[in-house]
N, C-alpha and C. Protein backbone atom coordinates (compact mmCIF):
# COMPACT_ATOMS: atom_id res chain seq x y z
N MET A 1 0.81 -1.22 -0.10
CA MET A 1 0.08 0.01 0.05
C MET A 1 0.91 1.26 0.00
N ASN A 2 0.67 2.14 -0.89
CA ASN A 2 1.46 3.41 -1.02
C ASN A 2 1.21 4.37 0.29
N THR A 3 2.18 5.26 0.37
CA THR A 3 2.19 6.22 1.49
C THR A 3 0.65 6.98 1.52
N LEU A 4 0.20 7.39 0.32
CA LEU A 4 -0.89 8.37 0.38
C LEU A 4 -2.13 7.71 0.76
N CYS A 5 -2.20 6.31 0.36
CA CYS A 5 -3.37 5.48 0.97
C CYS A 5 -3.20 5.06 2.40
N ALA A 6 -1.90 5.01 2.81
CA ALA A 6 -1.89 4.52 4.20
C ALA A 6 -2.23 5.66 5.10
N LEU A 7 -1.87 6.91 4.61
CA LEU A 7 -2.19 8.12 5.47
C LEU A 7 -3.59 8.25 5.56
N ALA A 8 -4.21 7.92 4.55
CA ALA A 8 -5.93 8.26 4.54
C ALA A 8 -6.39 7.20 5.40
N ILE A 9 -5.96 5.97 5.46
CA ILE A 9 -6.51 5.05 6.55
C ILE A 9 -6.21 5.36 7.78
N VAL A 10 -4.84 5.70 8.18
CA VAL A 10 -4.57 6.03 9.41
C VAL A 10 -5.15 7.31 10.19
N VAL A 11 -5.57 8.04 9.29
CA VAL A 11 -6.29 9.33 9.75
C VAL A 11 -7.64 8.90 10.35
N SER A 12 -7.70 8.29 11.60
CA SER A 12 -9.05 7.71 11.94
C SER A 12 -9.97 8.78 12.41
N LEU A 13 -9.62 9.91 12.34
CA LEU A 13 -10.29 11.19 12.97
C LEU A 13 -11.47 11.41 11.94
N VAL A 14 -11.37 10.73 10.73
CA VAL A 14 -12.17 11.16 9.75
C VAL A 14 -13.25 10.13 9.32
N PRO A 15 -14.56 10.15 9.24
CA PRO A 15 -15.40 9.35 8.72
C PRO A 15 -15.88 9.60 7.32
N ALA A 16 -16.61 8.64 6.76
CA ALA A 16 -17.19 8.91 5.34
C ALA A 16 -18.63 9.67 6.02
N LEU A 17 -19.26 10.34 5.05
CA LEU A 17 -20.49 11.18 5.28
C LEU A 17 -21.64 10.65 4.49
N PRO A 18 -22.12 9.29 4.87
CA PRO A 18 -23.32 8.82 4.09
C PRO A 18 -24.65 9.29 4.72
N PRO A 19 -25.44 9.62 3.94
CA PRO A 19 -26.78 10.30 4.27
C PRO A 19 -27.62 9.04 5.14
N GLN A 20 -28.33 9.50 6.12
CA GLN A 20 -29.23 8.60 6.84
C GLN A 20 -30.56 9.05 6.78
N SER A 21 -30.99 10.17 6.40
CA SER A 21 -32.06 10.75 6.35
C SER A 21 -32.30 11.78 5.31
N ALA A 22 -33.40 12.51 5.15
CA ALA A 22 -33.62 13.48 4.28
C ALA A 22 -32.72 14.62 4.80
N ALA A 23 -32.95 14.96 6.10
CA ALA A 23 -32.12 15.94 6.62
C ALA A 23 -30.71 15.76 6.68
N ALA A 24 -30.28 14.47 6.99
CA ALA A 24 -28.77 14.09 6.86
C ALA A 24 -28.31 14.31 5.59
N LYS A 25 -29.13 13.88 4.61
CA LYS A 25 -28.71 14.13 3.29
C LYS A 25 -28.33 15.52 2.81
N ALA A 26 -29.30 16.30 3.29
CA ALA A 26 -29.20 17.79 2.98
C ALA A 26 -27.81 18.30 3.63
N ARG A 27 -27.59 18.00 4.86
CA ARG A 27 -26.45 18.34 5.58
C ARG A 27 -25.19 17.95 4.83
N SER A 28 -25.33 16.64 4.47
CA SER A 28 -24.13 16.05 3.71
C SER A 28 -23.90 16.59 2.34
N ASP A 29 -24.93 17.02 1.64
CA ASP A 29 -24.71 17.59 0.41
C ASP A 29 -24.11 18.94 0.55
N ALA A 30 -24.52 19.58 1.51
CA ALA A 30 -24.03 21.07 1.82
C ALA A 30 -22.48 20.93 2.08
N ASP A 31 -22.22 19.94 3.13
CA ASP A 31 -20.84 19.74 3.42
C ASP A 31 -19.94 19.43 2.08
N MET A 32 -20.52 18.45 1.31
CA MET A 32 -19.69 17.97 0.34
C MET A 32 -19.28 19.37 -0.76
N LYS A 33 -20.48 20.13 -0.90
CA LYS A 33 -20.18 21.36 -1.76
C LYS A 33 -19.15 22.25 -1.09
N GLU A 34 -19.13 22.37 0.21
CA GLU A 34 -18.20 23.16 0.71
C GLU A 34 -16.70 22.50 0.77
N LEU A 35 -16.64 21.25 0.83
CA LEU A 35 -15.38 20.42 0.63
C LEU A 35 -14.73 20.58 -0.76
N ALA A 36 -15.75 20.59 -1.66
CA ALA A 36 -15.29 20.68 -3.04
C ALA A 36 -14.56 21.92 -3.41
N THR A 37 -14.68 23.13 -2.61
CA THR A 37 -14.01 24.31 -2.94
C THR A 37 -12.96 24.65 -1.81
N TYR A 38 -12.90 23.63 -0.84
CA TYR A 38 -11.91 23.82 0.34
C TYR A 38 -10.48 23.42 -0.17
N THR A 39 -9.46 24.35 0.08
CA THR A 39 -8.12 23.97 -0.33
C THR A 39 -7.23 23.85 0.96
N LEU A 40 -6.37 22.72 0.86
CA LEU A 40 -5.44 22.44 1.75
C LEU A 40 -4.32 23.24 1.71
N THR A 41 -3.72 23.77 2.79
CA THR A 41 -2.56 24.64 2.72
C THR A 41 -1.60 24.08 3.83
N MET A 42 -0.31 24.40 3.64
CA MET A 42 0.85 23.97 4.52
C MET A 42 0.69 24.52 5.99
N ASP A 43 0.17 25.86 5.88
CA ASP A 43 -0.09 26.45 7.15
C ASP A 43 -1.14 25.78 7.97
N THR A 44 -2.16 25.30 7.35
CA THR A 44 -3.25 24.66 8.21
C THR A 44 -2.80 23.22 8.60
N LEU A 45 -2.05 22.59 7.60
CA LEU A 45 -1.50 21.26 7.89
C LEU A 45 -0.56 21.27 9.00
N ASN A 46 0.25 22.46 9.18
CA ASN A 46 1.23 22.34 10.24
C ASN A 46 0.38 22.74 11.61
N LYS A 47 -0.79 23.51 11.47
CA LYS A 47 -1.43 23.59 12.83
C LYS A 47 -2.19 22.40 13.12
N VAL A 48 -2.64 21.71 12.16
CA VAL A 48 -3.23 20.37 12.37
C VAL A 48 -2.34 19.40 12.99
N ASP A 49 -1.20 19.32 12.49
CA ASP A 49 -0.13 18.56 12.89
C ASP A 49 0.13 18.80 14.55
N ARG A 50 0.32 20.04 14.72
CA ARG A 50 0.61 20.20 16.29
C ARG A 50 -0.45 20.02 17.07
N VAL A 51 -1.70 20.01 16.68
CA VAL A 51 -2.91 19.85 17.44
C VAL A 51 -2.95 18.33 17.62
N ILE A 52 -2.67 17.47 16.62
CA ILE A 52 -2.82 15.86 16.77
C ILE A 52 -1.63 15.46 17.76
N GLN A 53 -0.52 16.19 17.59
CA GLN A 53 0.53 15.65 18.48
C GLN A 53 0.49 16.02 19.75
N ARG A 54 -0.23 17.18 20.01
CA ARG A 54 -0.49 17.64 21.46
C ARG A 54 -1.47 16.62 22.02
N VAL A 55 -2.55 16.34 21.30
CA VAL A 55 -3.69 15.28 21.59
C VAL A 55 -3.01 13.98 21.90
N THR A 56 -2.14 13.44 20.83
CA THR A 56 -1.58 12.12 21.09
C THR A 56 -0.68 12.04 22.36
N ALA A 57 0.04 13.18 22.60
CA ALA A 57 0.83 13.24 23.83
C ALA A 57 0.01 12.89 24.97
N GLU A 58 -1.07 13.71 25.09
CA GLU A 58 -2.16 13.57 26.21
C GLU A 58 -2.50 12.11 26.32
N MET A 59 -2.95 11.76 25.09
CA MET A 59 -3.53 10.24 25.08
C MET A 59 -2.61 9.32 25.75
N LYS A 60 -1.29 9.57 25.50
CA LYS A 60 -0.25 8.59 26.06
C LYS A 60 -0.34 8.57 27.64
N LYS A 61 -0.64 9.66 28.29
CA LYS A 61 -0.79 9.69 29.59
C LYS A 61 -1.87 9.03 30.16
N ASP A 62 -2.86 8.64 29.36
CA ASP A 62 -4.10 8.09 29.75
C ASP A 62 -3.87 6.53 30.30
N PRO A 63 -4.34 6.22 31.37
CA PRO A 63 -3.99 4.90 32.04
C PRO A 63 -4.46 3.77 30.94
N LYS A 64 -5.73 4.00 30.30
CA LYS A 64 -6.09 2.90 29.50
C LYS A 64 -5.34 2.77 28.18
N VAL A 65 -4.46 3.92 27.67
CA VAL A 65 -3.62 3.84 26.60
C VAL A 65 -2.33 3.20 27.10
N ILE A 66 -1.92 3.51 28.24
CA ILE A 66 -0.64 2.97 28.95
C ILE A 66 -1.05 1.32 29.01
N GLU A 67 -2.06 0.82 29.55
CA GLU A 67 -2.46 -0.39 29.64
C GLU A 67 -2.44 -1.06 28.32
N THR A 68 -3.12 -0.47 27.22
CA THR A 68 -3.37 -1.08 25.86
C THR A 68 -1.97 -1.32 25.49
N THR A 69 -0.92 -0.31 25.49
CA THR A 69 0.31 -0.49 25.05
C THR A 69 1.25 -1.65 25.46
N LYS A 70 0.96 -1.73 26.83
CA LYS A 70 1.66 -2.85 27.47
C LYS A 70 1.04 -4.13 27.04
N LEU A 71 -0.19 -4.41 26.95
CA LEU A 71 -0.89 -5.48 26.73
C LEU A 71 -0.63 -5.85 25.10
N LYS A 72 -0.51 -4.92 24.33
CA LYS A 72 -0.27 -5.07 22.90
C LYS A 72 1.26 -5.66 22.69
N ALA A 73 2.16 -5.10 23.42
CA ALA A 73 3.45 -5.49 23.41
C ALA A 73 3.58 -7.02 23.90
N GLU A 74 2.96 -7.22 24.96
CA GLU A 74 2.91 -8.63 25.51
C GLU A 74 2.32 -9.65 24.50
N LEU A 75 1.28 -9.26 23.97
CA LEU A 75 0.66 -10.09 22.85
C LEU A 75 1.31 -10.18 21.73
N LYS A 76 2.25 -9.35 21.21
CA LYS A 76 3.13 -9.27 20.04
C LYS A 76 4.08 -10.28 20.41
N ALA A 77 4.81 -10.14 21.74
CA ALA A 77 5.87 -11.17 22.09
C ALA A 77 5.38 -12.58 22.09
N LEU A 78 4.22 -12.91 22.51
CA LEU A 78 3.49 -14.24 22.65
C LEU A 78 3.35 -14.62 21.08
N THR A 79 2.67 -13.86 20.38
CA THR A 79 2.30 -14.38 18.82
C THR A 79 3.48 -14.55 18.13
N ASP A 80 4.67 -13.91 18.61
CA ASP A 80 5.91 -13.96 17.74
C ASP A 80 6.65 -15.30 17.91
N LYS A 81 6.17 -16.00 19.01
CA LYS A 81 6.74 -17.41 19.35
C LYS A 81 6.31 -18.41 18.42
N ASP A 82 7.18 -19.31 18.05
CA ASP A 82 7.00 -20.47 17.09
C ASP A 82 6.13 -21.49 17.97
N ASP A 83 6.37 -21.73 19.08
CA ASP A 83 5.61 -22.51 19.73
C ASP A 83 5.08 -22.01 21.24
N THR A 84 3.73 -22.05 21.32
CA THR A 84 3.26 -21.56 22.80
C THR A 84 2.68 -22.56 23.54
N THR A 85 2.80 -22.41 24.92
CA THR A 85 2.08 -23.29 25.76
C THR A 85 0.61 -23.17 25.84
N GLU A 86 0.01 -24.10 26.54
CA GLU A 86 -1.38 -23.74 26.86
C GLU A 86 -1.71 -22.62 27.67
N ALA A 87 -0.93 -22.43 28.68
CA ALA A 87 -0.96 -21.17 29.57
C ALA A 87 -0.85 -19.86 28.65
N GLU A 88 0.22 -19.91 27.72
CA GLU A 88 0.37 -18.68 27.01
C GLU A 88 -0.91 -18.47 26.09
N ASP A 89 -1.51 -19.60 25.65
CA ASP A 89 -2.52 -19.56 24.63
C ASP A 89 -3.66 -18.79 25.38
N LYS A 90 -3.98 -19.28 26.66
CA LYS A 90 -5.01 -18.68 27.48
C LYS A 90 -4.67 -17.29 27.69
N ARG A 91 -3.42 -16.87 28.05
CA ARG A 91 -3.07 -15.49 28.15
C ARG A 91 -3.26 -14.62 27.04
N MET A 92 -3.16 -15.16 25.87
CA MET A 92 -3.40 -14.41 24.58
C MET A 92 -4.81 -14.08 24.59
N GLU A 93 -5.58 -15.16 24.83
CA GLU A 93 -7.10 -14.94 24.71
C GLU A 93 -7.58 -13.91 25.81
N THR A 94 -7.13 -13.94 26.84
CA THR A 94 -7.38 -13.00 27.90
C THR A 94 -6.86 -11.61 27.56
N ILE A 95 -5.85 -11.43 26.93
CA ILE A 95 -5.42 -10.19 26.45
C ILE A 95 -6.08 -9.46 25.43
N ARG A 96 -6.62 -10.45 24.48
CA ARG A 96 -7.40 -9.99 23.36
C ARG A 96 -8.80 -9.57 23.88
N GLU A 97 -9.47 -10.18 24.82
CA GLU A 97 -10.59 -9.86 25.49
C GLU A 97 -10.46 -8.62 26.26
N ARG A 98 -9.51 -8.22 26.81
CA ARG A 98 -9.29 -7.09 27.60
C ARG A 98 -9.00 -5.96 26.69
N LEU A 99 -8.29 -6.12 25.60
CA LEU A 99 -8.13 -5.05 24.61
C LEU A 99 -9.49 -4.85 23.88
N GLU A 100 -10.35 -5.58 23.76
CA GLU A 100 -11.69 -5.56 23.02
C GLU A 100 -12.46 -4.72 23.95
N ALA A 101 -12.29 -4.96 25.34
CA ALA A 101 -13.33 -4.19 26.27
C ALA A 101 -12.74 -2.89 26.53
N ILE A 102 -11.34 -2.57 26.28
CA ILE A 102 -10.94 -1.33 26.50
C ILE A 102 -11.32 -0.39 25.35
N GLU A 103 -11.23 -1.04 24.19
CA GLU A 103 -11.67 -0.16 22.65
C GLU A 103 -13.22 -0.07 22.91
N SER A 104 -14.09 -0.86 23.28
CA SER A 104 -15.54 -0.62 23.27
C SER A 104 -15.85 0.43 24.20
N SER A 105 -15.14 0.52 25.46
CA SER A 105 -15.62 1.30 26.52
C SER A 105 -14.94 2.72 26.20
N ASP A 106 -14.08 2.76 25.12
CA ASP A 106 -13.32 4.19 24.98
C ASP A 106 -13.89 4.83 23.96
N ASP A 107 -14.87 4.38 23.27
CA ASP A 107 -15.79 4.96 22.04
C ASP A 107 -15.95 6.56 22.28
N ASN A 108 -16.40 6.81 23.54
CA ASN A 108 -16.97 8.29 23.71
C ASN A 108 -15.71 9.22 24.20
N ASN A 109 -14.50 8.49 24.22
CA ASN A 109 -13.37 9.35 24.78
C ASN A 109 -12.24 9.51 23.72
N SER A 110 -12.64 9.55 22.49
CA SER A 110 -11.63 9.72 21.26
C SER A 110 -12.07 10.69 20.36
N MET A 111 -10.83 10.85 19.36
CA MET A 111 -11.32 11.84 18.46
C MET A 111 -12.00 11.31 17.19
N SER A 112 -12.07 9.91 17.42
CA SER A 112 -12.65 9.30 16.01
C SER A 112 -14.17 9.68 16.11
N VAL A 113 -14.89 9.63 14.88
CA VAL A 113 -16.09 10.04 14.78
C VAL A 113 -16.85 9.03 14.00
N GLY A 114 -18.11 8.68 14.36
CA GLY A 114 -18.91 7.75 13.73
C GLY A 114 -19.45 8.04 12.28
N ASP A 115 -19.80 7.14 11.53
CA ASP A 115 -20.04 7.19 10.18
C ASP A 115 -21.56 7.94 10.34
N GLY A 116 -21.83 8.89 9.08
CA GLY A 116 -23.18 9.49 9.12
C GLY A 116 -23.30 10.90 9.85
N GLN A 117 -21.94 11.30 10.31
CA GLN A 117 -21.98 12.67 10.89
C GLN A 117 -21.58 13.67 10.01
N ASP A 118 -22.21 14.89 10.15
CA ASP A 118 -21.97 16.06 9.29
C ASP A 118 -20.70 16.72 9.96
N LEU A 119 -20.34 17.65 9.19
CA LEU A 119 -19.05 18.28 9.79
C LEU A 119 -19.39 19.05 11.16
N ASN A 120 -20.60 19.76 11.20
CA ASN A 120 -20.80 20.22 12.62
C ASN A 120 -21.15 19.06 13.78
N ALA A 121 -21.52 17.91 13.41
CA ALA A 121 -21.55 17.05 14.44
C ALA A 121 -20.10 16.44 14.84
N MET A 122 -19.31 16.28 13.86
CA MET A 122 -17.92 16.00 13.92
C MET A 122 -17.06 16.97 14.85
N ALA A 123 -17.37 18.30 14.56
CA ALA A 123 -16.71 19.31 15.26
C ALA A 123 -17.11 19.38 16.65
N ALA A 124 -18.34 19.11 16.92
CA ALA A 124 -18.87 19.27 18.35
C ALA A 124 -18.31 17.96 19.23
N LYS A 125 -18.16 16.97 18.53
CA LYS A 125 -17.48 15.85 19.36
C LYS A 125 -15.89 16.07 19.61
N ILE A 126 -15.34 16.68 18.65
CA ILE A 126 -13.82 16.95 18.87
C ILE A 126 -13.85 18.03 19.97
N GLN A 127 -14.63 19.22 19.86
CA GLN A 127 -14.50 20.25 20.79
C GLN A 127 -14.94 19.69 22.15
N ALA A 128 -15.66 18.87 22.42
CA ALA A 128 -16.02 18.35 23.63
C ALA A 128 -14.97 17.48 24.34
N LEU A 129 -13.91 17.24 23.65
CA LEU A 129 -12.64 16.59 24.28
C LEU A 129 -11.87 17.73 24.81
N PRO A 130 -11.61 17.79 25.99
CA PRO A 130 -10.68 18.95 26.58
C PRO A 130 -9.38 18.98 26.03
N ALA A 131 -8.56 17.86 25.83
CA ALA A 131 -7.25 17.92 25.30
C ALA A 131 -7.20 18.46 23.77
N ALA A 132 -8.28 18.09 23.20
CA ALA A 132 -8.56 18.55 21.62
C ALA A 132 -8.77 20.18 21.80
N ALA A 133 -9.70 20.35 22.59
CA ALA A 133 -10.27 21.93 22.66
C ALA A 133 -8.98 22.68 22.89
N ASN A 134 -8.36 22.25 23.93
CA ASN A 134 -7.15 23.06 24.43
C ASN A 134 -6.22 23.21 23.22
N ALA A 135 -5.88 22.21 22.57
CA ALA A 135 -4.83 22.02 21.46
C ALA A 135 -5.27 23.18 20.24
N LEU A 136 -6.69 22.92 20.12
CA LEU A 136 -7.17 23.87 18.83
C LEU A 136 -7.31 25.05 19.19
N ARG A 137 -7.56 25.55 20.59
CA ARG A 137 -7.32 27.00 20.96
C ARG A 137 -5.96 27.52 20.88
N ALA A 138 -4.97 26.76 21.27
CA ALA A 138 -3.41 27.06 21.29
C ALA A 138 -3.13 27.37 19.75
N GLU A 139 -3.62 26.89 18.72
CA GLU A 139 -3.37 26.91 17.41
C GLU A 139 -4.38 27.92 16.56
N GLY A 140 -5.38 28.46 17.35
CA GLY A 140 -6.09 29.38 16.63
C GLY A 140 -6.98 28.69 15.59
N LEU A 141 -7.35 27.43 15.81
CA LEU A 141 -8.07 26.61 14.87
C LEU A 141 -9.34 26.28 15.47
N SER A 142 -10.43 26.38 14.69
CA SER A 142 -11.71 25.89 15.15
C SER A 142 -11.97 24.37 15.00
N ALA A 143 -12.86 23.74 15.60
CA ALA A 143 -13.02 22.41 15.52
C ALA A 143 -13.62 22.10 14.25
N ARG A 144 -14.45 22.96 13.71
CA ARG A 144 -14.91 22.72 12.49
C ARG A 144 -13.91 22.86 11.28
N GLU A 145 -13.01 23.85 11.47
CA GLU A 145 -12.02 23.97 10.45
C GLU A 145 -11.12 22.61 10.45
N PHE A 146 -10.83 22.07 11.61
CA PHE A 146 -10.01 20.87 11.79
C PHE A 146 -10.86 19.83 11.10
N SER A 147 -12.07 19.78 11.40
CA SER A 147 -12.78 18.61 10.78
C SER A 147 -12.84 18.65 9.41
N LYS A 148 -12.99 19.82 8.95
CA LYS A 148 -13.23 20.05 7.45
C LYS A 148 -11.75 19.86 6.74
N PHE A 149 -10.72 20.23 7.35
CA PHE A 149 -9.31 19.84 6.80
C PHE A 149 -9.10 18.42 6.87
N MET A 150 -9.54 17.71 7.78
CA MET A 150 -9.33 16.17 7.82
C MET A 150 -9.99 15.44 6.88
N VAL A 151 -11.32 15.78 6.66
CA VAL A 151 -12.05 15.27 5.64
C VAL A 151 -11.50 15.45 4.19
N ALA A 152 -11.06 16.76 3.93
CA ALA A 152 -10.60 17.11 2.78
C ALA A 152 -9.14 16.33 2.53
N LEU A 153 -8.47 16.11 3.58
CA LEU A 153 -7.15 15.32 3.37
C LEU A 153 -7.54 13.94 3.10
N LEU A 154 -8.47 13.32 3.72
CA LEU A 154 -8.89 12.04 3.57
C LEU A 154 -9.29 11.85 2.07
N GLN A 155 -10.13 12.68 1.64
CA GLN A 155 -10.58 12.62 0.22
C GLN A 155 -9.33 12.65 -0.80
N ALA A 156 -8.65 13.74 -0.62
CA ALA A 156 -7.53 13.91 -1.50
C ALA A 156 -6.51 12.86 -1.38
N GLY A 157 -6.18 12.41 -0.26
CA GLY A 157 -5.36 11.20 0.02
C GLY A 157 -5.68 9.87 -0.65
N LEU A 158 -6.97 9.60 -0.70
CA LEU A 158 -7.43 8.47 -1.41
C LEU A 158 -7.27 8.65 -2.98
N ALA A 159 -7.79 9.81 -3.28
CA ALA A 159 -7.67 10.08 -4.81
C ALA A 159 -6.25 10.23 -5.33
N ALA A 160 -5.33 10.63 -4.39
CA ALA A 160 -3.91 10.83 -4.96
C ALA A 160 -3.38 9.50 -5.01
N GLY A 161 -3.73 8.55 -3.98
CA GLY A 161 -3.06 7.26 -4.01
C GLY A 161 -3.73 6.49 -5.23
N LEU A 162 -4.93 6.56 -5.48
CA LEU A 162 -5.38 5.84 -6.61
C LEU A 162 -4.87 6.49 -7.96
N GLN A 163 -4.68 7.81 -8.11
CA GLN A 163 -4.18 8.30 -9.13
C GLN A 163 -2.80 7.84 -9.44
N LYS A 164 -2.03 7.82 -8.27
CA LYS A 164 -0.55 7.61 -8.44
C LYS A 164 -0.36 6.07 -8.82
N SER A 165 -1.35 5.20 -8.62
CA SER A 165 -1.34 3.82 -8.82
C SER A 165 -1.92 3.53 -10.08
N GLY A 166 -2.36 4.61 -10.90
CA GLY A 166 -3.02 4.33 -12.29
C GLY A 166 -4.41 4.01 -12.22
N LEU A 167 -5.11 3.80 -11.24
CA LEU A 167 -6.47 3.32 -10.93
C LEU A 167 -7.51 4.44 -11.14
N LEU A 168 -7.17 5.69 -11.11
CA LEU A 168 -8.01 6.90 -11.13
C LEU A 168 -7.47 7.73 -12.24
N LYS A 169 -8.35 8.08 -13.28
CA LYS A 169 -7.94 9.03 -14.25
C LYS A 169 -8.53 10.43 -13.99
N THR A 170 -9.71 10.46 -13.45
CA THR A 170 -10.39 11.66 -13.22
C THR A 170 -10.49 12.10 -11.81
N THR A 171 -10.81 13.33 -11.57
CA THR A 171 -10.91 13.74 -10.14
C THR A 171 -12.34 13.36 -9.71
N PRO A 172 -12.59 12.65 -8.63
CA PRO A 172 -13.80 12.34 -8.03
C PRO A 172 -14.62 13.41 -7.84
N GLU A 173 -15.80 13.40 -7.92
CA GLU A 173 -17.04 14.44 -7.44
C GLU A 173 -16.77 14.85 -6.17
N GLY A 174 -16.75 16.25 -5.80
CA GLY A 174 -16.59 16.67 -4.51
C GLY A 174 -15.09 16.89 -4.02
N THR A 175 -14.12 16.51 -4.86
CA THR A 175 -12.80 16.51 -4.29
C THR A 175 -12.13 17.69 -5.12
N ASN A 176 -11.45 18.75 -4.41
CA ASN A 176 -10.78 19.78 -5.04
C ASN A 176 -9.56 19.10 -5.67
N PRO A 177 -9.37 19.46 -7.03
CA PRO A 177 -8.30 18.91 -7.67
C PRO A 177 -6.85 19.49 -6.95
N ALA A 178 -6.95 20.81 -6.49
CA ALA A 178 -5.70 21.24 -5.90
C ALA A 178 -5.27 20.48 -4.82
N ASN A 179 -6.21 19.86 -4.03
CA ASN A 179 -5.84 18.94 -2.83
C ASN A 179 -5.16 17.86 -3.12
N ILE A 180 -5.53 17.21 -4.29
CA ILE A 180 -4.93 15.95 -4.88
C ILE A 180 -3.44 16.36 -5.13
N LYS A 181 -3.30 17.43 -5.84
CA LYS A 181 -1.91 18.01 -6.21
C LYS A 181 -1.12 18.12 -4.95
N PHE A 182 -1.63 18.80 -3.99
CA PHE A 182 -1.06 19.19 -2.64
C PHE A 182 -0.50 17.81 -2.12
N MET A 183 -1.32 16.79 -1.98
CA MET A 183 -1.06 15.51 -1.41
C MET A 183 0.19 14.88 -2.10
N LEU A 184 0.16 14.98 -3.49
CA LEU A 184 1.36 14.43 -4.16
C LEU A 184 2.49 15.05 -4.05
N GLU A 185 2.44 16.54 -3.92
CA GLU A 185 3.69 17.25 -3.65
C GLU A 185 4.08 17.23 -2.25
N HIS A 186 3.45 16.80 -1.34
CA HIS A 186 3.91 16.86 -0.02
C HIS A 186 3.95 15.42 0.71
N GLU A 187 3.94 14.62 -0.14
CA GLU A 187 3.76 13.17 0.36
C GLU A 187 4.94 12.78 1.46
N ALA A 188 6.01 13.30 1.23
CA ALA A 188 7.14 12.94 2.29
C ALA A 188 6.98 13.52 3.58
N GLU A 189 6.56 14.89 3.58
CA GLU A 189 6.11 15.43 4.81
C GLU A 189 4.98 14.86 5.56
N LEU A 190 3.88 14.45 4.67
CA LEU A 190 2.62 13.78 5.20
C LEU A 190 3.06 12.42 5.86
N GLN A 191 3.95 11.65 5.27
CA GLN A 191 4.20 10.51 5.73
C GLN A 191 5.03 10.65 7.20
N LYS A 192 5.84 11.67 7.25
CA LYS A 192 6.61 11.97 8.53
C LYS A 192 5.63 12.13 9.57
N MET A 193 4.70 13.10 9.39
CA MET A 193 3.59 13.52 10.28
C MET A 193 2.74 12.15 10.61
N GLN A 194 2.37 11.38 9.77
CA GLN A 194 1.63 10.36 9.96
C GLN A 194 2.29 9.43 11.18
N LYS A 195 3.61 9.17 11.03
CA LYS A 195 4.19 8.44 12.05
C LYS A 195 4.29 9.18 13.35
N ALA A 196 4.20 10.42 13.50
CA ALA A 196 4.22 11.25 14.74
C ALA A 196 2.54 11.11 15.21
N TRP A 197 1.63 10.93 14.38
CA TRP A 197 0.31 11.00 15.00
C TRP A 197 -0.06 9.64 15.61
N GLU A 198 0.64 8.52 15.35
CA GLU A 198 0.22 7.34 15.87
C GLU A 198 0.50 7.36 17.42
N VAL A 199 -0.55 6.63 18.01
CA VAL A 199 -0.48 6.44 19.39
C VAL A 199 0.11 5.07 19.71
N LYS A 200 1.28 4.87 20.02
CA LYS A 200 1.80 3.49 20.08
C LYS A 200 1.86 2.89 21.49
């Protein structure tokens, strides 16, 4: 998978925007029109990068994130073994169950947003997280601008990845062609940022 596609997938802050009702469709259509004329810039990307890094740093202090990191490391060590004992197999199952429980209980305390939400709903969820709100305020960036940037980044990242691999010949509807160019021109910087965005 090339870098641009990987970046688009790693940015878990961004959902698709499928309509769920007539009202949702109207909001989605309005958002898509807005996104079609929205232009990605390095200035905003740098602000978004600093916001995500600050939030990521805060997340790393969260006891659940610390526990998850330790459990994943233990699970990897066990799964990397050629042969495991019955006790180790049971331990792996226990770890997987615990990781699943943490993930399901953490749905309302993350910057990820569920499918079907418009930009305003995404912004409201992000703004409700203290670490995110503080980081956005420090950068002079609104939660809505952040949400819009991330959706535009995902759109352009997917299109650029497909274009680069030769699978896409035309610009997808609702995607600003300038943003695809931006992704292709700044692939190296985006790859570096992506690594810093990951909570390990």
